[in-house]
């Protein structure tokens, strides 16, 4: 579980949408759910950014691109995903940051 200061830093990182990807994973992840939507723009250790939005690489969790900017009274995606014990939170934050670079705050895909 992340501390409040770690969550604050991760949330701030998720807003840095102009930087290139910090890394990209080359390893395969077994798909036990739905296949990733194509095209896949970026693959992290656990998460991918696709034409649909953010997807867990195992195919078991998806977030529509139009929803990547959602924040419910200070409880946004970083805080929500931090509550899930199975989430690689730094990898999710990288996916969120890169997805936010693809979708505007109005939910429209950027060209």
PDB file of N, CA and C in Angstrom:
ATOM      1  N   UNK A   1       0.839  -1.182   0.000  1.00  0.00           N
ATOM      2  CA  UNK A   1       0.000   0.000   0.000  1.00  0.00           C
ATOM      3  C   UNK A   1       0.884   1.247   0.000  1.00  0.00           C
ATOM      4  N   UNK A   2       0.552   2.169  -0.850  1.00  0.00           N
ATOM      5  CA  UNK A   2       1.336   3.395  -0.994  1.00  0.00           C
ATOM      6  C   UNK A   2       1.001   4.397   0.104  1.00  0.00           C
ATOM      7  N   UNK A   3       1.994   5.192   0.496  1.00  0.00           N
ATOM      8  CA  UNK A   3       1.763   6.252   1.463  1.00  0.00           C
ATOM      9  C   UNK A   3       1.063   7.418   0.754  1.00  0.00           C
ATOM     10  N   UNK A   4       0.573   8.367   1.533  1.00  0.00           N
ATOM     11  CA  UNK A   4      -0.087   9.543   0.945  1.00  0.00           C
ATOM     12  C   UNK A   4       0.881  10.324   0.057  1.00  0.00           C
ATOM     13  N   UNK A   5       2.124  10.453   0.488  1.00  0.00           N
ATOM     14  CA  UNK A   5       3.091  11.202  -0.331  1.00  0.00           C
ATOM     15  C   UNK A   5       3.420  10.443  -1.616  1.00  0.00           C
ATOM     16  N   UNK A   6       3.489   9.113  -1.563  1.00  0.00           N
ATOM     17  CA  UNK A   6       3.721   8.320  -2.773  1.00  0.00           C
ATOM     18  C   UNK A   6       2.545   8.451  -3.735  1.00  0.00           C
ATOM     19  N   UNK A   7       1.319   8.401  -3.201  1.00  0.00           N
ATOM     20  CA  UNK A   7       0.127   8.567  -4.046  1.00  0.00           C
ATOM     21  C   UNK A   7       0.106   9.938  -4.693  1.00  0.00           C
ATOM     22  N   UNK A   8       0.484  10.960  -3.932  1.00  0.00           N
ATOM     23  CA  UNK A   8       0.521  12.323  -4.470  1.00  0.00           C
ATOM     24  C   UNK A   8       1.533  12.404  -5.610  1.00  0.00           C
ATOM     25  N   UNK A   9       2.707  11.803  -5.427  1.00  0.00           N
ATOM     26  CA  UNK A   9       3.738  11.824  -6.468  1.00  0.00           C
ATOM     27  C   UNK A   9       3.286  11.042  -7.703  1.00  0.00           C
ATOM     28  N   UNK A  10       2.656   9.902  -7.505  1.00  0.00           N
ATOM     29  CA  UNK A  10       2.165   9.111  -8.636  1.00  0.00           C
ATOM     30  C   UNK A  10       1.050   9.850  -9.374  1.00  0.00           C
ATOM     31  N   UNK A  11       0.165  10.494  -8.632  1.00  0.00           N
ATOM     32  CA  UNK A  11      -0.909  11.268  -9.263  1.00  0.00           C
ATOM     33  C   UNK A  11      -0.339  12.419 -10.077  1.00  0.00           C
ATOM     34  N   UNK A  12       0.688  13.071  -9.555  1.00  0.00           N
ATOM     35  CA  UNK A  12       1.339  14.161 -10.292  1.00  0.00           C
ATOM     36  C   UNK A  12       2.016  13.617 -11.552  1.00  0.00           C
ATOM     37  N   UNK A  13       2.645  12.459 -11.454  1.00  0.00           N
ATOM     38  CA  UNK A  13       3.290  11.840 -12.611  1.00  0.00           C
ATOM     39  C   UNK A  13       2.266  11.537 -13.704  1.00  0.00           C
ATOM     40  N   UNK A  14       1.065  11.120 -13.303  1.00  0.00           N
ATOM     41  CA  UNK A  14       0.013  10.773 -14.259  1.00  0.00           C
ATOM     42  C   UNK A  14      -0.467  11.979 -15.060  1.00  0.00           C
ATOM     43  N   UNK A  15      -0.097  13.173 -14.646  1.00  0.00           N
ATOM     44  CA  UNK A  15      -0.481  14.394 -15.357  1.00  0.00           C
ATOM     45  C   UNK A  15       0.591  14.868 -16.341  1.00  0.00           C
ATOM     46  N   UNK A  16       1.739  14.235 -16.340  1.00  0.00           N
ATOM     47  CA  UNK A  16       2.851  14.640 -17.205  1.00  0.00           C
ATOM     48  C   UNK A  16       2.693  13.972 -18.575  1.00  0.00           C
ATOM     49  N   UNK A  17       1.818  14.530 -19.379  1.00  0.00           N
ATOM     50  CA  UNK A  17       1.411  13.889 -20.628  1.00  0.00           C
ATOM     51  C   UNK A  17       2.273  14.234 -21.841  1.00  0.00           C
ATOM     52  N   UNK A  18       3.242  15.107 -21.681  1.00  0.00           N
ATOM     53  CA  UNK A  18       4.049  15.494 -22.843  1.00  0.00           C
ATOM     54  C   UNK A  18       5.353  14.709 -22.956  1.00  0.00           C
ATOM     55  N   UNK A  19       5.702  13.960 -21.940  1.00  0.00           N
ATOM     56  CA  UNK A  19       6.941  13.190 -21.964  1.00  0.00           C
ATOM     57  C   UNK A  19       6.746  11.872 -22.711  1.00  0.00           C
ATOM     58  N   UNK A  20       7.803  11.380 -23.364  1.00  0.00           N
ATOM     59  CA  UNK A  20       7.704  10.079 -24.033  1.00  0.00           C
ATOM     60  C   UNK A  20       7.610   8.956 -23.003  1.00  0.00           C
ATOM     61  N   UNK A  21       7.267   7.749 -23.432  1.00  0.00           N
ATOM     62  CA  UNK A  21       7.204   6.623 -22.495  1.00  0.00           C
ATOM     63  C   UNK A  21       8.534   6.435 -21.762  1.00  0.00           C
ATOM     64  N   UNK A  22       8.451   6.147 -20.477  1.00  0.00           N
ATOM     65  CA  UNK A  22       9.653   5.930 -19.675  1.00  0.00           C
ATOM     66  C   UNK A  22      10.289   4.583 -19.996  1.00  0.00           C
ATOM     67  N   UNK A  23       9.477   3.627 -20.467  1.00  0.00           N
ATOM     68  CA  UNK A  23       9.955   2.286 -20.804  1.00  0.00           C
ATOM     69  C   UNK A  23       8.863   1.591 -21.597  1.00  0.00           C
ATOM     70  N   UNK A  24       9.181   0.444 -22.136  1.00  0.00           N
ATOM     71  CA  UNK A  24       8.184  -0.400 -22.793  1.00  0.00           C
ATOM     72  C   UNK A  24       8.595  -1.843 -22.565  1.00  0.00           C
ATOM     73  N   UNK A  25       7.634  -2.687 -22.237  1.00  0.00           N
ATOM     74  CA  UNK A  25       7.911  -4.090 -21.953  1.00  0.00           C
ATOM     75  C   UNK A  25       7.945  -4.908 -23.238  1.00  0.00           C
ATOM     76  N   UNK A  26       8.888  -5.808 -23.307  1.00  0.00           N
ATOM     77  CA  UNK A  26       9.004  -6.721 -24.450  1.00  0.00           C
ATOM     78  C   UNK A  26       8.567  -8.142 -24.073  1.00  0.00           C
ATOM     79  N   UNK A  27       8.209  -8.352 -22.813  1.00  0.00           N
ATOM     80  CA  UNK A  27       7.836  -9.689 -22.365  1.00  0.00           C
ATOM     81  C   UNK A  27       6.391 -10.007 -22.731  1.00  0.00           C
ATOM     82  N   UNK A  28       6.125 -11.294 -22.923  1.00  0.00           N
ATOM     83  CA  UNK A  28       4.773 -11.752 -23.206  1.00  0.00           C
ATOM     84  C   UNK A  28       4.012 -11.941 -21.896  1.00  0.00           C
ATOM     85  N   UNK A  29       2.714 -11.672 -21.930  1.00  0.00           N
ATOM     86  CA  UNK A  29       1.831 -11.896 -20.794  1.00  0.00           C
ATOM     87  C   UNK A  29       0.716 -12.812 -21.277  1.00  0.00           C
ATOM     88  N   UNK A  30       0.492 -13.933 -20.593  1.00  0.00           N
ATOM     89  CA  UNK A  30      -0.596 -14.828 -21.009  1.00  0.00           C
ATOM     90  C   UNK A  30      -1.952 -14.123 -20.899  1.00  0.00           C
ATOM     91  N   UNK A  31      -2.744 -14.204 -21.955  1.00  0.00           N
ATOM     92  CA  UNK A  31      -4.076 -13.603 -21.955  1.00  0.00           C
ATOM     93  C   UNK A  31      -5.068 -14.651 -21.459  1.00  0.00           C
ATOM     94  N   UNK A  32      -5.699 -14.345 -20.317  1.00  0.00           N
ATOM     95  CA  UNK A  32      -6.691 -15.257 -19.746  1.00  0.00           C
ATOM     96  C   UNK A  32      -8.093 -14.661 -19.805  1.00  0.00           C
ATOM     97  N   UNK A  33      -8.182 -13.443 -20.294  1.00  0.00           N
ATOM     98  CA  UNK A  33      -9.462 -12.768 -20.479  1.00  0.00           C
ATOM     99  C   UNK A  33      -9.636 -12.424 -21.946  1.00  0.00           C
ATOM    100  N   UNK A  34     -10.069 -11.206 -22.225  1.00  0.00           N
ATOM    101  CA  UNK A  34     -10.265 -10.742 -23.599  1.00  0.00           C
ATOM    102  C   UNK A  34      -8.936 -10.302 -24.215  1.00  0.00           C
ATOM    103  N   UNK A  35      -8.796 -10.521 -25.505  1.00  0.00           N
ATOM    104  CA  UNK A  35      -7.605 -10.051 -26.220  1.00  0.00           C
ATOM    105  C   UNK A  35      -7.578  -8.523 -26.220  1.00  0.00           C
ATOM    106  N   UNK A  36      -6.382  -7.957 -26.253  1.00  0.00           N
ATOM    107  CA  UNK A  36      -6.244  -6.501 -26.290  1.00  0.00           C
ATOM    108  C   UNK A  36      -6.807  -5.955 -27.590  1.00  0.00           C
ATOM    109  N   UNK A  37      -7.413  -4.771 -27.500  1.00  0.00           N
ATOM    110  CA  UNK A  37      -7.877  -4.078 -28.696  1.00  0.00           C
ATOM    111  C   UNK A  37      -6.667  -3.619 -29.500  1.00  0.00           C
ATOM    112  N   UNK A  38      -6.810  -3.633 -30.797  1.00  0.00           N
ATOM    113  CA  UNK A  38      -5.747  -3.168 -31.694  1.00  0.00           C
ATOM    114  C   UNK A  38      -6.099  -1.779 -32.211  1.00  0.00           C
ATOM    115  N   UNK A  39      -5.162  -0.941 -32.510  1.00  0.00           N
ATOM    116  CA  UNK A  39      -3.751  -1.165 -32.292  1.00  0.00           C
ATOM    117  C   UNK A  39      -3.368  -0.977 -30.830  1.00  0.00           C
ATOM    118  N   UNK A  40      -2.250  -1.576 -30.461  1.00  0.00           N
ATOM    119  CA  UNK A  40      -1.666  -1.391 -29.135  1.00  0.00           C
ATOM    120  C   UNK A  40      -0.586  -0.332 -29.286  1.00  0.00           C
ATOM    121  N   UNK A  41      -0.736   0.763 -28.561  1.00  0.00           N
ATOM    122  CA  UNK A  41       0.197   1.882 -28.672  1.00  0.00           C
ATOM    123  C   UNK A  41       1.398   1.741 -27.738  1.00  0.00           C
ATOM    124  N   UNK A  42       1.188   1.088 -26.600  1.00  0.00           N
ATOM    125  CA  UNK A  42       2.255   0.939 -25.608  1.00  0.00           C
ATOM    126  C   UNK A  42       1.959  -0.273 -24.746  1.00  0.00           C
ATOM    127  N   UNK A  43       2.995  -1.006 -24.362  1.00  0.00           N
ATOM    128  CA  UNK A  43       2.862  -2.140 -23.450  1.00  0.00           C
ATOM    129  C   UNK A  43       3.802  -1.960 -22.273  1.00  0.00           C
ATOM    130  N   UNK A  44       3.236  -2.027 -21.094  1.00  0.00           N
ATOM    131  CA  UNK A  44       4.029  -2.025 -19.878  1.00  0.00           C
ATOM    132  C   UNK A  44       4.112  -3.439 -19.334  1.00  0.00           C
ATOM    133  N   UNK A  45       4.563  -3.551 -18.102  1.00  0.00           N
ATOM    134  CA  UNK A  45       4.686  -4.869 -17.480  1.00  0.00           C
ATOM    135  C   UNK A  45       3.316  -5.538 -17.315  1.00  0.00           C
ATOM    136  N   UNK A  46       2.321  -4.763 -16.880  1.00  0.00           N
ATOM    137  CA  UNK A  46       0.988  -5.300 -16.595  1.00  0.00           C
ATOM    138  C   UNK A  46      -0.106  -4.617 -17.419  1.00  0.00           C
ATOM    139  N   UNK A  47       0.156  -3.417 -17.902  1.00  0.00           N
ATOM    140  CA  UNK A  47      -0.862  -2.591 -18.539  1.00  0.00           C
ATOM    141  C   UNK A  47      -0.469  -2.239 -19.965  1.00  0.00           C
ATOM    142  N   UNK A  48      -1.468  -1.957 -20.791  1.00  0.00           N
ATOM    143  CA  UNK A  48      -1.244  -1.523 -22.175  1.00  0.00           C
ATOM    144  C   UNK A  48      -2.169  -0.352 -22.478  1.00  0.00           C
ATOM    145  N   UNK A  49      -1.736   0.499 -23.397  1.00  0.00           N
ATOM    146  CA  UNK A  49      -2.578   1.568 -23.929  1.00  0.00           C
ATOM    147  C   UNK A  49      -2.942   1.134 -25.343  1.00  0.00           C
ATOM    148  N   UNK A  50      -4.247   1.043 -25.589  1.00  0.00           N
ATOM    149  CA  UNK A  50      -4.746   0.543 -26.869  1.00  0.00           C
ATOM    150  C   UNK A  50      -5.728   1.541 -27.478  1.00  0.00           C
ATOM    151  N   UNK A  51      -6.266   1.177 -28.604  1.00  0.00           N
ATOM    152  CA  UNK A  51      -7.270   2.031 -29.241  1.00  0.00           C
ATOM    153  C   UNK A  51      -8.527   2.157 -28.384  1.00  0.00           C
ATOM    154  N   UNK A  52      -8.724   1.253 -27.446  1.00  0.00           N
ATOM    155  CA  UNK A  52      -9.886   1.295 -26.561  1.00  0.00           C
ATOM    156  C   UNK A  52      -9.636   2.194 -25.351  1.00  0.00           C
ATOM    157  N   UNK A  53      -8.422   2.132 -24.815  1.00  0.00           N
ATOM    158  CA  UNK A  53      -8.091   2.883 -23.604  1.00  0.00           C
ATOM    159  C   UNK A  53      -6.922   2.228 -22.899  1.00  0.00           C
ATOM    160  N   UNK A  54      -7.104   1.953 -21.609  1.00  0.00           N
ATOM    161  CA  UNK A  54      -6.099   1.248 -20.820  1.00  0.00           C
ATOM    162  C   UNK A  54      -6.625  -0.162 -20.584  1.00  0.00           C
ATOM    163  N   UNK A  55      -5.774  -1.141 -20.830  1.00  0.00           N
ATOM    164  CA  UNK A  55      -6.186  -2.530 -20.643  1.00  0.00           C
ATOM    165  C   UNK A  55      -5.112  -3.300 -19.902  1.00  0.00           C
ATOM    166  N   UNK A  56      -5.556  -4.140 -18.962  1.00  0.00           N
ATOM    167  CA  UNK A  56      -4.622  -5.068 -18.334  1.00  0.00           C
ATOM    168  C   UNK A  56      -4.165  -6.034 -19.419  1.00  0.00           C
ATOM    169  N   UNK A  57      -2.894  -6.300 -19.479  1.00  0.00           N
ATOM    170  CA  UNK A  57      -2.369  -7.142 -20.558  1.00  0.00           C
ATOM    171  C   UNK A  57      -2.889  -8.567 -20.508  1.00  0.00           C
ATOM    172  N   UNK A  58      -3.386  -9.012 -19.349  1.00  0.00           N
ATOM    173  CA  UNK A  58      -3.967 -10.358 -19.281  1.00  0.00           C
ATOM    174  C   UNK A  58      -5.405 -10.381 -19.771  1.00  0.00           C
ATOM    175  N   UNK A  59      -5.950  -9.197 -20.125  1.00  0.00           N
ATOM    176  CA  UNK A  59      -7.290  -9.107 -20.684  1.00  0.00           C
ATOM    177  C   UNK A  59      -8.415  -9.102 -19.676  1.00  0.00           C
ATOM    178  N   UNK A  60      -8.110  -8.858 -18.404  1.00  0.00           N
ATOM    179  CA  UNK A  60      -9.145  -8.959 -17.367  1.00  0.00           C
ATOM    180  C   UNK A  60      -9.636  -7.633 -16.803  1.00  0.00           C
ATOM    181  N   UNK A  61      -9.096  -6.488 -17.265  1.00  0.00           N
ATOM    182  CA  UNK A  61      -9.540  -5.192 -16.738  1.00  0.00           C
ATOM    183  C   UNK A  61      -9.330  -4.155 -17.823  1.00  0.00           C
ATOM    184  N   UNK A  62     -10.354  -3.349 -18.094  1.00  0.00           N
ATOM    185  CA  UNK A  62     -10.253  -2.302 -19.110  1.00  0.00           C
ATOM    186  C   UNK A  62     -10.831  -0.985 -18.585  1.00  0.00           C
ATOM    187  N   UNK A  63     -10.282   0.098 -19.094  1.00  0.00           N
ATOM    188  CA  UNK A  63     -10.798   1.443 -18.795  1.00  0.00           C
ATOM    189  C   UNK A  63     -10.911   2.158 -20.135  1.00  0.00           C
ATOM    190  N   UNK A  64     -12.100   2.599 -20.462  1.00  0.00           N
ATOM    191  CA  UNK A  64     -12.309   3.308 -21.723  1.00  0.00           C
ATOM    192  C   UNK A  64     -11.483   4.591 -21.760  1.00  0.00           C
ATOM    193  N   UNK A  65     -10.960   4.902 -22.933  1.00  0.00           N
ATOM    194  CA  UNK A  65     -10.161   6.102 -23.104  1.00  0.00           C
ATOM    195  C   UNK A  65     -10.875   7.366 -22.660  1.00  0.00           C
ATOM    196  N   UNK A  66     -12.175   7.436 -22.914  1.00  0.00           N
ATOM    197  CA  UNK A  66     -12.925   8.651 -22.537  1.00  0.00           C
ATOM    198  C   UNK A  66     -12.996   8.847 -21.017  1.00  0.00           C
ATOM    199  N   UNK A  67     -12.609   7.824 -20.243  1.00  0.00           N
ATOM    200  CA  UNK A  67     -12.711   7.894 -18.780  1.00  0.00           C
ATOM    201  C   UNK A  67     -11.382   8.162 -18.078  1.00  0.00           C
ATOM    202  N   UNK A  68     -10.289   8.293 -18.828  1.00  0.00           N
ATOM    203  CA  UNK A  68      -8.979   8.370 -18.177  1.00  0.00           C
ATOM    204  C   UNK A  68      -8.768   9.630 -17.336  1.00  0.00           C
ATOM    205  N   UNK A  69      -9.558  10.647 -17.553  1.00  0.00           N
ATOM    206  CA  UNK A  69      -9.416  11.884 -16.770  1.00  0.00           C
ATOM    207  C   UNK A  69     -10.374  11.952 -15.584  1.00  0.00           C
ATOM    208  N   UNK A  70     -11.162  10.908 -15.347  1.00  0.00           N
ATOM    209  CA  UNK A  70     -12.134  10.940 -14.248  1.00  0.00           C
ATOM    210  C   UNK A  70     -11.447  11.095 -12.897  1.00  0.00           C
ATOM    211  N   UNK A  71     -12.073  11.901 -12.057  1.00  0.00           N
ATOM    212  CA  UNK A  71     -11.605  12.125 -10.690  1.00  0.00           C
ATOM    213  C   UNK A  71     -12.845  12.408  -9.858  1.00  0.00           C
ATOM    214  N   UNK A  72     -13.093  11.568  -8.881  1.00  0.00           N
ATOM    215  CA  UNK A  72     -14.273  11.732  -8.040  1.00  0.00           C
ATOM    216  C   UNK A  72     -13.873  12.345  -6.706  1.00  0.00           C
ATOM    217  N   UNK A  73     -13.966  13.665  -6.628  1.00  0.00           N
ATOM    218  CA  UNK A  73     -13.639  14.396  -5.401  1.00  0.00           C
ATOM    219  C   UNK A  73     -12.272  14.021  -4.837  1.00  0.00           C
ATOM    220  N   UNK A  74     -11.261  14.042  -5.701  1.00  0.00           N
ATOM    221  CA  UNK A  74      -9.909  13.745  -5.260  1.00  0.00           C
ATOM    222  C   UNK A  74      -9.581  12.261  -5.197  1.00  0.00           C
ATOM    223  N   UNK A  75     -10.525  11.425  -5.560  1.00  0.00           N
ATOM    224  CA  UNK A  75     -10.291   9.972  -5.582  1.00  0.00           C
ATOM    225  C   UNK A  75     -10.343   9.540  -7.047  1.00  0.00           C
ATOM    226  N   UNK A  76      -9.198   9.682  -7.711  1.00  0.00           N
ATOM    227  CA  UNK A  76      -9.128   9.372  -9.134  1.00  0.00           C
ATOM    228  C   UNK A  76      -8.643   7.960  -9.375  1.00  0.00           C
ATOM    229  N   UNK A  77      -8.173   7.728 -10.597  1.00  0.00           N
ATOM    230  CA  UNK A  77      -7.754   6.380 -10.998  1.00  0.00           C
ATOM    231  C   UNK A  77      -6.581   5.871 -10.185  1.00  0.00           C
ATOM    232  N   UNK A  78      -5.621   6.718  -9.854  1.00  0.00           N
ATOM    233  CA  UNK A  78      -4.458   6.261  -9.089  1.00  0.00           C
ATOM    234  C   UNK A  78      -4.908   5.742  -7.724  1.00  0.00           C
ATOM    235  N   UNK A  79      -5.748   6.501  -7.047  1.00  0.00           N
ATOM    236  CA  UNK A  79      -6.233   6.082  -5.729  1.00  0.00           C
ATOM    237  C   UNK A  79      -7.108   4.832  -5.837  1.00  0.00           C
ATOM    238  N   UNK A  80      -7.936   4.792  -6.868  1.00  0.00           N
ATOM    239  CA  UNK A  80      -8.817   3.640  -7.068  1.00  0.00           C
ATOM    240  C   UNK A  80      -8.011   2.360  -7.304  1.00  0.00           C
ATOM    241  N   UNK A  81      -7.021   2.437  -8.161  1.00  0.00           N
ATOM    242  CA  UNK A  81      -6.237   1.244  -8.493  1.00  0.00           C
ATOM    243  C   UNK A  81      -5.278   0.857  -7.365  1.00  0.00           C
ATOM    244  N   UNK A  82      -4.887   1.817  -6.552  1.00  0.00           N
ATOM    245  CA  UNK A  82      -4.009   1.521  -5.417  1.00  0.00           C
ATOM    246  C   UNK A  82      -4.708   0.615  -4.412  1.00  0.00           C
ATOM    247  N   UNK A  83      -6.026   0.658  -4.378  1.00  0.00           N
ATOM    248  CA  UNK A  83      -6.794  -0.181  -3.451  1.00  0.00           C
ATOM    249  C   UNK A  83      -6.811  -1.656  -3.863  1.00  0.00           C
ATOM    250  N   UNK A  84      -6.419  -1.949  -5.092  1.00  0.00           N
ATOM    251  CA  UNK A  84      -6.428  -3.319  -5.618  1.00  0.00           C
ATOM    252  C   UNK A  84      -5.041  -3.942  -5.413  1.00  0.00           C
ATOM    253  N   UNK A  85      -4.979  -5.024  -4.676  1.00  0.00           N
ATOM    254  CA  UNK A  85      -3.693  -5.621  -4.313  1.00  0.00           C
ATOM    255  C   UNK A  85      -2.937  -6.206  -5.497  1.00  0.00           C
ATOM    256  N   UNK A  86      -3.624  -6.503  -6.576  1.00  0.00           N
ATOM    257  CA  UNK A  86      -2.993  -7.146  -7.734  1.00  0.00           C
ATOM    258  C   UNK A  86      -2.392  -6.161  -8.732  1.00  0.00           C
ATOM    259  N   UNK A  87      -2.586  -4.877  -8.520  1.00  0.00           N
ATOM    260  CA  UNK A  87      -2.160  -3.870  -9.501  1.00  0.00           C
ATOM    261  C   UNK A  87      -0.708  -3.460  -9.302  1.00  0.00           C
ATOM    262  N   UNK A  88       0.049  -3.454 -10.392  1.00  0.00           N
ATOM    263  CA  UNK A  88       1.390  -2.878 -10.437  1.00  0.00           C
ATOM    264  C   UNK A  88       1.156  -1.375 -10.621  1.00  0.00           C
ATOM    265  N   UNK A  89       1.124  -0.635  -9.511  1.00  0.00           N
ATOM    266  CA  UNK A  89       0.699   0.761  -9.549  1.00  0.00           C
ATOM    267  C   UNK A  89       1.627   1.662 -10.378  1.00  0.00           C
ATOM    268  N   UNK A  90       2.943   1.572 -10.250  1.00  0.00           N
ATOM    269  CA  UNK A  90       3.783   2.424 -11.116  1.00  0.00           C
ATOM    270  C   UNK A  90       3.551   2.141 -12.601  1.00  0.00           C
ATOM    271  N   UNK A  91       3.340   0.882 -12.965  1.00  0.00           N
ATOM    272  CA  UNK A  91       3.076   0.550 -14.362  1.00  0.00           C
ATOM    273  C   UNK A  91       1.714   1.104 -14.789  1.00  0.00           C
ATOM    274  N   UNK A  92       0.722   1.031 -13.909  1.00  0.00           N
ATOM    275  CA  UNK A  92      -0.593   1.602 -14.223  1.00  0.00           C
ATOM    276  C   UNK A  92      -0.482   3.111 -14.423  1.00  0.00           C
ATOM    277  N   UNK A  93       0.283   3.783 -13.577  1.00  0.00           N
ATOM    278  CA  UNK A  93       0.438   5.237 -13.688  1.00  0.00           C
ATOM    279  C   UNK A  93       1.078   5.600 -15.031  1.00  0.00           C
ATOM    280  N   UNK A  94       2.049   4.814 -15.475  1.00  0.00           N
ATOM    281  CA  UNK A  94       2.660   5.081 -16.786  1.00  0.00           C
ATOM    282  C   UNK A  94       1.614   4.915 -17.890  1.00  0.00           C
ATOM    283  N   UNK A  95       0.794   3.861 -17.793  1.00  0.00           N
ATOM    284  CA  UNK A  95      -0.271   3.656 -18.782  1.00  0.00           C
ATOM    285  C   UNK A  95      -1.280   4.800 -18.740  1.00  0.00           C
ATOM    286  N   UNK A  96      -1.661   5.229 -17.546  1.00  0.00           N
ATOM    287  CA  UNK A  96      -2.616   6.326 -17.397  1.00  0.00           C
ATOM    288  C   UNK A  96      -2.060   7.606 -18.001  1.00  0.00           C
ATOM    289  N   UNK A  97      -0.815   7.890 -17.731  1.00  0.00           N
ATOM    290  CA  UNK A  97      -0.156   9.084 -18.265  1.00  0.00           C
ATOM    291  C   UNK A  97      -0.153   9.066 -19.792  1.00  0.00           C
ATOM    292  N   UNK A  98       0.201   7.936 -20.362  1.00  0.00           N
ATOM    293  CA  UNK A  98       0.258   7.828 -21.821  1.00  0.00           C
ATOM    294  C   UNK A  98      -1.137   7.829 -22.443  1.00  0.00           C
ATOM    295  N   UNK A  99      -2.112   7.231 -21.763  1.00  0.00           N
ATOM    296  CA  UNK A  99      -3.491   7.271 -22.260  1.00  0.00           C
ATOM    297  C   UNK A  99      -4.037   8.693 -22.213  1.00  0.00           C
ATOM    298  N   UNK A 100      -3.715   9.427 -21.172  1.00  0.00           N
ATOM    299  CA  UNK A 100      -4.163  10.814 -21.083  1.00  0.00           C
ATOM    300  C   UNK A 100      -3.565  11.666 -22.199  1.00  0.00           C
ATOM    301  N   UNK A 101      -2.405  11.289 -22.685  1.00  0.00           N
ATOM    302  CA  UNK A 101      -1.816  12.001 -23.819  1.00  0.00           C
ATOM    303  C   UNK A 101      -2.605  11.722 -25.100  1.00  0.00           C
ATOM    304  N   UNK A 102      -3.336  10.614 -25.159  1.00  0.00           N
ATOM    305  CA  UNK A 102      -4.104  10.223 -26.347  1.00  0.00           C
ATOM    306  C   UNK A 102      -5.549  10.714 -26.300  1.00  0.00           C
ATOM    307  N   UNK A 103      -6.109  10.913 -25.100  1.00  0.00           N
ATOM    308  CA  UNK A 103      -7.508  11.341 -24.971  1.00  0.00           C
ATOM    309  C   UNK A 103      -7.570  12.662 -24.230  1.00  0.00           C
ATOM    310  N   UNK A 104      -8.378  13.563 -24.751  1.00  0.00           N
ATOM    311  CA  UNK A 104      -8.537  14.874 -24.121  1.00  0.00           C
ATOM    312  C   UNK A 104      -9.394  14.737 -22.868  1.00  0.00           C
ATOM    313  N   UNK A 105      -9.397  15.783 -22.071  1.00  0.00           N
ATOM    314  CA  UNK A 105     -10.209  15.780 -20.850  1.00  0.00           C
ATOM    315  C   UNK A 105     -11.696  15.728 -21.169  1.00  0.00           C
ATOM    316  N   UNK A 106     -12.090  16.074 -22.390  1.00  0.00           N
ATOM    317  CA  UNK A 106     -13.492  15.981 -22.789  1.00  0.00           C
ATOM    318  C   UNK A 106     -13.854  14.565 -23.214  1.00  0.00           C
ATOM    319  N   UNK A 107     -12.856  13.654 -23.243  1.00  0.00           N
ATOM    320  CA  UNK A 107     -13.117  12.266 -23.581  1.00  0.00           C
ATOM    321  C   UNK A 107     -12.927  11.940 -25.045  1.00  0.00           C
ATOM    322  N   UNK A 108     -12.514  12.917 -25.839  1.00  0.00           N
ATOM    323  CA  UNK A 108     -12.313  12.678 -27.262  1.00  0.00           C
ATOM    324  C   UNK A 108     -10.868  12.265 -27.531  1.00  0.00           C
ATOM    325  N   UNK A 109     -10.701  11.338 -28.450  1.00  0.00           N
ATOM    326  CA  UNK A 109      -9.356  10.925 -28.847  1.00  0.00           C
ATOM    327  C   UNK A 109      -8.668  12.095 -29.521  1.00  0.00           C
ATOM    328  N   UNK A 110      -7.400  12.322 -29.180  1.00  0.00           N
ATOM    329  CA  UNK A 110      -6.633  13.371 -29.833  1.00  0.00           C
ATOM    330  C   UNK A 110      -6.105  12.818 -31.143  1.00  0.00           C
ATOM    331  N   UNK A 111      -5.989  13.679 -32.140  1.00  0.00           N
ATOM    332  CA  UNK A 111      -5.483  13.196 -33.440  1.00  0.00           C
ATOM    333  C   UNK A 111      -3.990  13.241 -33.511  1.00  0.00           C
TER     334      UNK A 111
END
